[in-house]
Structures are given as C-alpha cells and as structure tokens.
Amino acid sequence: MIREQLENVQKKIEEACLRAGRDPKEVTLIAVSKTKPAPMLLEAYDAGARDFGENKVQEITAKFPQLPEDVRWHMIGHLQRNKVSQVLGKAVLIHSVDSIRLAEQIEAESAKKGLVTDILLEVNAAREESKYGFFLEETEAAIMTIKDFPHVRIQGLMTIAPFVENPEENRGIFKKLYEFAVDIGKKNIDNVTMSVLSMGMTGDYQVAIEEGATMVRVGTGIFGARQSAR
C-alpha cells in the first residue's frame, strides 16, 4: 500500500510540474513519517523514499539508527531550544526556525560541534494565531540578522498553509511566499540562498508546486491517516 501511495504522489508531483512548466527534478518529496514506526519507513525507503520529515526530535533520534545511512532527515516541527543539540548532525535541514532566539541557539550549538547547519525560516504567511513563524513583513529583518551567524546557513523558507477543503484557497499564500523568496534572492545577501521553498502538504501540494514549491511534505498521502494520540 505504501509503495502504491508513494508512486501515486510522485505521479501527481510530475503532473503538477507539467502544468507549471517545471522539471519534476526541482521538487523533493519529503515523506512525513511522524508517529509512524520504523518498519513503515523502511517500506517507503524500499519504494524509493529517501527524505523523511519528523515533527519531534525524539522521533528522529529514535529512528535514525534504524534506517539506512543514506536517509535524509528533515526537522519539520516546532523545535524547542533545549533540543537543538540532539538534532544537529542528524537532520540535513531544519525547516522550522521560527524565531531569532532559536536561530541563536542553533548557531551556538553548531559552533560547539564545529558544524554549519542548513535552515529554513518558517513564515506564518496566513497570520494564523495557532501557528509558529515570522510574519511575512518580519522575515527580511530576521534574515538580515541571521545572515551574520557563521554556523548557520539560510537555504530558503517554509510555511504551513491553513487546513482547507479546497486547495485553491491556499494558492495566494504560496504565490506570495514565492514572490517574496524571489525578491530576497535578487538581493544577493551573503550566506543566504532562496533555493528551497518548503510548502504544500497532502491536501494542497499540487497547488504549492504550481506556485513554486521545491519541497513538499506529504504524510497522510503516503502512510495513511495518523492514529490520534489519546
């Protein structure tokens, strides 16, 4: 089932790229494996998945030794500052840097370990009270502060769009973030690239791709519905 669903998602990614005149190689599919046990991840791995996204540091640290070494782990959930050291060196990319203080912690811990850590700034593009992230009008100032951190490298932006029945409702949010990323990219800021735009989930990833996403985070579409924690 996982293989079939993974192939179905990849097909839809290709179709969205075709509609947008893009090369499917520009889009990385992140299999969101939060709450899923390692055997399910291995099934996805055997079907070709290499990028896995986790919401919690403890899930990355637990699953890290259980999967092959060529798996690329992505930290996509809210990251607490006291957990930063545990995820460094394991996650290839931290998508969810939502404050200057978190970026400062990543800088300090990366310096201790002699690492340069790749990050995305999380943008609360829809200004939802329940979501973390910089508002769009705060993001450039945050970039200008974090660019000077020698052990942190800004690779782009991430957003979590509102949960909607009709994905078209999120098109404007994705478009706005893409346009902002293009504007920042044109400024050629040292230590900053806008090569990654992580946006779009199971319900709206095709629209996100049409509007410029380079990474999509799909969980339910690959692994099925999550078991709710009771």
Foldseek 3Di string as FASTA:
>chain_A
DLLVLVVVVLVLLCVLCVVLVHDSLLAAEEAEQEPHDLVLVVVNVVSPHQHYEYADLVVQLVNQVVDDPSRAYEHEHDDDLVCLLSCPPRHQEYQEAADLVSLVSNLVSCVVVVAAHEYAFEEADVPDPVDGHHHLVCVVVSCVVSLPRPRYAYEAHEYEFDDDQDLVVCLVSLLVRLVSLVVVQVVPRHRYHHSAYEYEEPRHVSSNVSNPHSYYYYHCSNPNDDDDDD
